[in-house]
Amino acid sequence: MKLLLWDGTGLVLVAKRLEKSSFRWPTISDGVMRLTSAQLSALLEGLDW
């Protein structure tokens, strides 16, 4: 997974790869995946939904 973030002074590229499993993405409705900050944190931690 790659994230592109603006930190106020420039863009930051963050990359995350899980060694033993895969990311579990939330469902997509209307062609859009919406995440709360808590869901994004859980996704980056590799937690199940």
C-alpha atoms as a PDB file:
ATOM      1  CA  MET A   1       0.000   0.000   0.000  1.00  0.00           C
ATOM      2  CA  LYS A   2       1.243   3.470  -0.759  1.00  0.00           C
ATOM      3  CA  LEU A   3      -0.071   6.717   0.698  1.00  0.00           C
ATOM      4  CA  LEU A   4       0.668  10.201  -0.527  1.00  0.00           C
ATOM      5  CA  LEU A   5       0.328  12.790   2.238  1.00  0.00           C
ATOM      6  CA  TRP A   6       0.734  16.557   2.420  1.00  0.00           C
ATOM      7  CA  ASP A   7       2.477  17.601   5.658  1.00  0.00           C
ATOM      8  CA  GLY A   8       2.232  21.346   5.127  1.00  0.00           C
ATOM      9  CA  THR A   9       5.709  21.706   3.652  1.00  0.00           C
ATOM     10  CA  GLY A  10       5.678  19.052   0.951  1.00  0.00           C
ATOM     11  CA  LEU A  11       4.465  15.629  -0.092  1.00  0.00           C
ATOM     12  CA  VAL A  12       5.369  12.502   1.866  1.00  0.00           C
ATOM     13  CA  LEU A  13       5.251   9.038   0.279  1.00  0.00           C
ATOM     14  CA  VAL A  14       4.549   6.244   2.775  1.00  0.00           C
ATOM     15  CA  ALA A  15       4.845   2.587   1.754  1.00  0.00           C
ATOM     16  CA  LYS A  16       3.662  -0.380   3.822  1.00  0.00           C
ATOM     17  CA  ARG A  17       4.038  -4.085   3.017  1.00  0.00           C
ATOM     18  CA  LEU A  18       2.868  -6.904   5.273  1.00  0.00           C
ATOM     19  CA  GLU A  19       5.266  -9.851   5.527  1.00  0.00           C
ATOM     20  CA  LYS A  20       2.889 -12.670   6.479  1.00  0.00           C
ATOM     21  CA  SER A  21      -0.574 -11.700   5.304  1.00  0.00           C
ATOM     22  CA  SER A  22      -2.429  -9.252   3.100  1.00  0.00           C
ATOM     23  CA  PHE A  23      -4.406  -6.106   3.738  1.00  0.00           C
ATOM     24  CA  ARG A  24      -8.106  -6.616   4.415  1.00  0.00           C
ATOM     25  CA  TRP A  25      -9.880  -3.816   2.612  1.00  0.00           C
ATOM     26  CA  PRO A  26     -13.324  -2.514   3.643  1.00  0.00           C
ATOM     27  CA  THR A  27     -16.227  -2.899   1.250  1.00  0.00           C
ATOM     28  CA  ILE A  28     -16.591  -0.528  -1.667  1.00  0.00           C
ATOM     29  CA  SER A  29     -19.964   1.126  -2.225  1.00  0.00           C
ATOM     30  CA  ASP A  30     -20.796   3.339  -5.192  1.00  0.00           C
ATOM     31  CA  GLY A  31     -17.252   2.828  -6.481  1.00  0.00           C
ATOM     32  CA  VAL A  32     -15.761   4.649  -3.472  1.00  0.00           C
ATOM     33  CA  MET A  33     -13.898   3.297  -0.458  1.00  0.00           C
ATOM     34  CA  ARG A  34     -14.308   5.570   2.544  1.00  0.00           C
ATOM     35  CA  LEU A  35     -12.117   5.146   5.622  1.00  0.00           C
ATOM     36  CA  THR A  36     -12.232   6.817   8.993  1.00  0.00           C
ATOM     37  CA  SER A  37      -8.914   7.605  10.667  1.00  0.00           C
ATOM     38  CA  ALA A  38      -9.483   4.618  12.988  1.00  0.00           C
ATOM     39  CA  GLN A  39     -10.076   2.313  10.002  1.00  0.00           C
ATOM     40  CA  LEU A  40      -6.933   3.598   8.282  1.00  0.00           C
ATOM     41  CA  SER A  41      -4.934   2.969  11.454  1.00  0.00           C
ATOM     42  CA  ALA A  42      -6.341  -0.570  11.710  1.00  0.00           C
ATOM     43  CA  LEU A  43      -5.561  -1.205   8.037  1.00  0.00           C
ATOM     44  CA  LEU A  44      -1.966  -0.047   8.476  1.00  0.00           C
ATOM     45  CA  GLU A  45      -1.631  -2.242  11.579  1.00  0.00           C
ATOM     46  CA  GLY A  46      -2.808  -5.253   9.564  1.00  0.00           C
ATOM     47  CA  LEU A  47      -5.869  -5.839  11.770  1.00  0.00           C
ATOM     48  CA  ASP A  48      -8.982  -7.667  10.573  1.00  0.00           C
ATOM     49  CA  TRP A  49     -12.204  -5.731  10.076  1.00  0.00           C
END
